[in-house]
Amino acid sequence: MIRTAIIAIGLSIYTLLVGPPMILHAMFTGSVEKLYWAGVHGVIFFTRLVGLRVHVEGLENIPPGVCLFVANHTSNADAPAIVGSIPRRIAILAKRSIFSIPIVGYAFRMAHFVPVDRRNRESAMASVELAAKYLREGTSYLAYPEGTRSPDGRLQAFKKGTFVMAIKAGANVVPVACSGAHRIMKKNSLTIHPGDVVVHFLPPIDASAYTLEQRDELSLRAHAALAAALPPDQKPLAANPLA
């Protein structure tokens, strides 16, 4: 719990000190680059401080241009590991409650992060449409097609919204296999354990080659790529990879 307190208190102080001036800078310059990287470097610093060690593989698989990174989701520890490993500014589709955090929520919206309410289908589809618009305009994204954290670390079935978004934007889909994060911080636990996380970027899939009617095919291809890249204890057990 000491590590959790370090993260909570440290990031809160960092956000209060760095957030407002970076937001003002973004408002006056029209650029969120410094705001984004200030946030990312702050998170990386504090997660490393509590013992998160990230190993990155496959950076050569990230193509130039706009990408939709799709990753498995097992823990609150995988987002810092993945975002800190992507060598470009991205935005994230994230649960709506995060956007109610003072300063953080405002900064997220400035950086084109999109809130998602998984319990409201109409709202969720509107979020997909907005993110697809931002993708077409040049913002790369990170999305979690499972929709929520895996309870046991194993890859779960994929929902279709992420791949509708990719097809509508005609973006490259880059599967990202994240291994070990579930051992750092389990779902519904506040305890942080030091350890290693491997972030492996897999070869891209060109979503422009798929139609909306082929969204299941694109989803299955991405799911199969992730399943093949994950260690045995994180491979899926379910026969149906689509939710």
Protein backbone atom coordinates (compact mmCIF):
# COMPACT_ATOMS: atom_id res chain seq x y z
CA MET A 1 0.00 0.00 0.00
CA ILE A 2 3.00 2.30 0.45
CA ARG A 3 3.66 2.15 -3.29
CA THR A 4 0.02 2.95 -4.01
CA ALA A 5 0.22 5.97 -1.72
CA ILE A 6 3.39 7.15 -3.47
CA ILE A 7 1.62 7.00 -6.83
CA ALA A 8 -1.57 8.66 -5.58
CA ILE A 9 0.09 11.46 -3.63
CA GLY A 10 2.97 11.98 -6.03
CA LEU A 11 0.81 12.21 -9.14
CA SER A 12 -1.70 14.46 -7.37
CA ILE A 13 1.01 16.95 -6.41
CA TYR A 14 2.61 16.72 -9.84
CA THR A 15 -0.75 17.35 -11.53
CA LEU A 16 -1.48 20.38 -9.35
CA LEU A 17 1.95 21.89 -10.00
CA VAL A 18 2.44 21.05 -13.67
CA GLY A 19 -1.10 20.72 -15.00
CA PRO A 20 -2.39 24.33 -14.88
CA PRO A 21 0.66 25.97 -16.55
CA MET A 22 0.77 23.27 -19.24
CA ILE A 23 -2.95 23.72 -19.91
CA LEU A 24 -2.48 27.48 -20.22
CA HIS A 25 0.44 26.91 -22.58
CA ALA A 26 -1.73 24.65 -24.73
CA MET A 27 -4.54 27.21 -24.75
CA PHE A 28 -2.27 30.05 -25.87
CA THR A 29 -0.20 28.07 -28.42
CA GLY A 30 -2.90 25.78 -29.74
CA SER A 31 -0.57 22.80 -29.27
CA VAL A 32 -1.01 20.04 -26.68
CA GLU A 33 2.39 18.43 -27.31
CA LYS A 34 4.08 19.78 -24.17
CA LEU A 35 0.97 19.12 -22.08
CA TYR A 36 0.84 15.53 -23.30
CA TRP A 37 4.51 14.74 -22.76
CA ALA A 38 4.55 16.43 -19.34
CA GLY A 39 1.77 14.06 -18.31
CA VAL A 40 3.41 10.99 -19.78
CA HIS A 41 6.82 11.70 -18.24
CA GLY A 42 5.24 12.33 -14.85
CA VAL A 43 3.44 8.99 -14.91
CA ILE A 44 6.59 7.18 -16.10
CA PHE A 45 8.65 8.72 -13.30
CA PHE A 46 6.30 7.67 -10.51
CA THR A 47 5.60 4.19 -11.88
CA ARG A 48 9.34 3.55 -12.17
CA LEU A 49 9.77 4.87 -8.65
CA VAL A 50 7.49 2.12 -7.30
CA GLY A 51 9.25 -0.61 -9.28
CA LEU A 52 7.53 -0.91 -12.68
CA ARG A 53 10.16 -2.07 -15.20
CA VAL A 54 9.06 -1.90 -18.83
CA HIS A 55 10.68 -3.83 -21.68
CA VAL A 56 9.71 -2.79 -25.21
CA GLU A 57 9.80 -5.01 -28.28
CA GLY A 58 8.80 -4.52 -31.90
CA LEU A 59 9.08 -0.74 -32.26
CA GLU A 60 10.08 -1.36 -35.88
CA ASN A 61 6.53 -2.61 -36.49
CA ILE A 62 5.00 0.83 -35.88
CA PRO A 63 4.36 2.37 -39.31
CA PRO A 64 4.55 6.09 -40.02
CA GLY A 65 1.34 8.04 -39.98
CA VAL A 66 -1.80 7.71 -37.91
CA CYS A 67 -2.25 4.42 -36.04
CA LEU A 68 -4.84 2.78 -33.83
CA PHE A 69 -2.98 0.80 -31.18
CA VAL A 70 -5.14 -2.03 -29.79
CA ALA A 71 -3.96 -3.73 -26.60
CA ASN A 72 -5.06 -6.36 -24.13
CA HIS A 73 -6.17 -4.90 -20.82
CA THR A 74 -5.34 -6.66 -17.55
CA SER A 75 -4.45 -4.01 -15.01
CA ASN A 76 -4.19 -0.33 -14.17
CA ALA A 77 -0.46 -0.89 -14.67
CA ASP A 78 -0.66 -1.64 -18.38
CA ALA A 79 -1.72 1.84 -19.54
CA PRO A 80 1.40 3.60 -18.16
CA ALA A 81 3.59 0.85 -19.59
CA ILE A 82 2.02 1.00 -23.07
CA VAL A 83 1.60 4.78 -23.35
CA GLY A 84 5.17 5.33 -22.15
CA SER A 85 6.41 2.92 -24.83
CA ILE A 86 4.67 4.54 -27.81
CA PRO A 87 7.13 6.99 -29.39
CA ARG A 88 4.50 9.50 -30.51
CA ARG A 89 1.62 11.46 -29.06
CA ILE A 90 -1.58 9.48 -28.86
CA ALA A 91 -5.04 9.83 -27.36
CA ILE A 92 -7.01 7.17 -25.50
CA LEU A 93 -10.57 5.93 -25.35
CA ALA A 94 -11.05 5.79 -21.58
CA LYS A 95 -13.89 5.21 -19.15
CA ARG A 96 -16.01 8.29 -18.56
CA SER A 97 -15.38 8.51 -14.79
CA ILE A 98 -11.74 9.47 -15.33
CA PHE A 99 -12.84 12.68 -17.05
CA SER A 100 -14.43 13.94 -13.83
CA ILE A 101 -10.99 14.25 -12.17
CA PRO A 102 -10.10 17.97 -11.85
CA ILE A 103 -7.38 19.22 -14.22
CA VAL A 104 -6.85 15.69 -15.60
CA GLY A 105 -10.26 15.53 -17.28
CA TYR A 106 -9.82 18.96 -18.86
CA ALA A 107 -6.34 18.07 -20.11
CA PHE A 108 -7.62 14.79 -21.53
CA ARG A 109 -10.30 16.54 -23.55
CA MET A 110 -7.79 19.08 -24.87
CA ALA A 111 -5.64 16.17 -26.08
CA HIS A 112 -8.64 14.53 -27.82
CA PHE A 113 -9.00 11.70 -25.29
CA VAL A 114 -12.55 10.37 -25.67
CA PRO A 115 -14.75 9.27 -22.73
CA VAL A 116 -16.62 5.99 -23.16
CA ASP A 117 -19.70 4.88 -21.23
CA ARG A 118 -19.81 1.13 -21.79
CA ARG A 119 -23.23 0.85 -20.13
CA ASN A 120 -24.88 3.13 -22.68
CA ARG A 121 -24.73 1.73 -26.21
CA GLU A 122 -25.83 4.96 -27.91
CA SER A 123 -23.25 6.99 -25.99
CA ALA A 124 -20.54 4.41 -26.69
CA MET A 125 -21.22 4.53 -30.44
CA ALA A 126 -21.09 8.34 -30.35
CA SER A 127 -17.66 8.04 -28.71
CA VAL A 128 -16.51 5.70 -31.48
CA GLU A 129 -17.68 8.20 -34.11
CA LEU A 130 -15.85 11.06 -32.39
CA ALA A 131 -12.64 9.07 -32.07
CA ALA A 132 -12.87 8.02 -35.73
CA LYS A 133 -13.17 11.70 -36.65
CA TYR A 134 -10.05 12.56 -34.63
CA LEU A 135 -8.21 9.61 -36.22
CA ARG A 136 -9.03 10.90 -39.71
CA GLU A 137 -7.76 14.33 -38.62
CA GLY A 138 -4.39 12.90 -37.58
CA THR A 139 -4.58 11.80 -33.93
CA SER A 140 -3.33 8.29 -33.18
CA TYR A 141 -5.22 6.32 -30.53
CA LEU A 142 -4.84 3.55 -27.98
CA ALA A 143 -7.94 1.41 -27.43
CA TYR A 144 -8.77 -1.71 -25.43
CA PRO A 145 -11.11 -3.89 -27.54
CA GLU A 146 -11.98 -6.10 -24.55
CA GLY A 147 -13.79 -3.11 -23.07
CA THR A 148 -12.63 -3.73 -19.51
CA ARG A 149 -9.77 -5.30 -17.56
CA SER A 150 -9.41 -9.07 -17.70
CA PRO A 151 -10.19 -10.68 -14.31
CA ASP A 152 -7.40 -13.26 -14.62
CA GLY A 153 -4.90 -11.75 -17.05
CA ARG A 154 -6.09 -13.84 -19.99
CA LEU A 155 -7.15 -12.25 -23.28
CA GLN A 156 -10.93 -11.83 -23.37
CA ALA A 157 -13.39 -11.54 -26.26
CA PHE A 158 -13.26 -8.36 -28.35
CA LYS A 159 -16.07 -5.86 -28.82
CA LYS A 160 -16.57 -4.49 -32.33
CA GLY A 161 -16.58 -0.73 -31.74
CA THR A 162 -12.81 -0.36 -31.89
CA PHE A 163 -12.66 -1.96 -35.32
CA VAL A 164 -15.60 0.03 -36.66
CA MET A 165 -13.58 3.07 -35.66
CA ALA A 166 -10.47 1.77 -37.46
CA ILE A 167 -12.34 0.99 -40.68
CA LYS A 168 -14.13 4.35 -40.74
CA ALA A 169 -10.80 6.13 -40.32
CA GLY A 170 -8.89 3.83 -42.69
CA ALA A 171 -6.11 3.65 -40.11
CA ASN A 172 -3.36 1.13 -39.51
CA VAL A 173 -4.22 -1.13 -36.57
CA VAL A 174 -1.18 -2.02 -34.46
CA PRO A 175 -1.84 -4.89 -31.99
CA VAL A 176 0.05 -4.43 -28.71
CA ALA A 177 0.65 -7.48 -26.52
CA CYS A 178 1.18 -6.45 -22.90
CA SER A 179 2.52 -9.20 -20.64
CA GLY A 180 2.95 -9.22 -16.87
CA ALA A 181 0.92 -6.15 -15.89
CA HIS A 182 -1.67 -8.30 -14.09
CA ARG A 183 1.05 -9.38 -11.67
CA ILE A 184 1.96 -5.75 -10.93
CA MET A 185 -1.54 -4.71 -9.96
CA LYS A 186 -4.47 -7.11 -10.03
CA LYS A 187 -7.96 -6.03 -11.02
CA ASN A 188 -9.90 -4.51 -8.11
CA SER A 189 -6.75 -4.37 -5.97
CA LEU A 190 -4.91 -1.27 -4.75
CA THR A 191 -1.70 -3.18 -4.03
CA ILE A 192 1.23 -2.53 -6.37
CA HIS A 193 3.99 -5.13 -6.70
CA PRO A 194 7.32 -4.23 -8.36
CA GLY A 195 8.04 -6.25 -11.46
CA ASP A 196 8.51 -6.45 -15.21
CA VAL A 197 6.06 -5.68 -17.99
CA VAL A 198 6.75 -6.53 -21.64
CA VAL A 199 5.14 -4.32 -24.28
CA HIS A 200 5.35 -5.95 -27.71
CA PHE A 201 4.23 -4.07 -30.83
CA LEU A 202 3.07 -6.47 -33.54
CA PRO A 203 2.96 -5.98 -37.32
CA PRO A 204 0.26 -3.51 -38.43
CA ILE A 205 -3.02 -4.41 -40.09
CA ASP A 206 -4.35 -2.02 -42.74
CA ALA A 207 -7.97 -1.37 -41.79
CA SER A 208 -8.58 0.45 -45.08
CA ALA A 209 -8.60 -3.00 -46.72
CA TYR A 210 -11.76 -3.91 -44.77
CA THR A 211 -15.37 -2.79 -45.10
CA LEU A 212 -17.73 -2.26 -42.18
CA GLU A 213 -19.33 -5.59 -43.06
CA GLN A 214 -15.90 -7.18 -42.52
CA ARG A 215 -15.36 -5.72 -39.05
CA ASP A 216 -15.58 -9.18 -37.49
CA GLU A 217 -12.79 -10.39 -39.76
CA LEU A 218 -10.57 -7.48 -38.71
CA SER A 219 -11.38 -8.08 -35.05
CA LEU A 220 -10.60 -11.81 -35.36
CA ARG A 221 -7.29 -11.08 -37.06
CA ALA A 222 -6.20 -8.65 -34.34
CA HIS A 223 -7.36 -11.03 -31.60
CA ALA A 224 -5.44 -13.93 -33.13
CA ALA A 225 -2.28 -11.82 -33.42
CA LEU A 226 -2.47 -10.80 -29.75
CA ALA A 227 -3.29 -14.32 -28.59
CA ALA A 228 -0.26 -15.72 -30.41
CA ALA A 229 2.08 -13.12 -28.87
CA LEU A 230 0.98 -13.51 -25.24
CA PRO A 231 2.57 -15.96 -22.78
CA PRO A 232 0.66 -19.19 -21.97
CA ASP A 233 -0.88 -17.84 -18.77
CA GLN A 234 -2.41 -14.91 -20.68
CA LYS A 235 -3.68 -16.73 -23.76
CA PRO A 236 -7.49 -16.86 -24.11
CA LEU A 237 -9.46 -19.85 -22.92
CA ALA A 238 -12.79 -18.90 -24.50
CA ALA A 239 -13.58 -20.42 -27.88
CA ASN A 240 -15.38 -17.28 -29.14
CA PRO A 241 -13.04 -14.27 -29.49
CA LEU A 242 -15.93 -11.88 -30.25
CA ALA A 243 -18.21 -10.38 -27.60
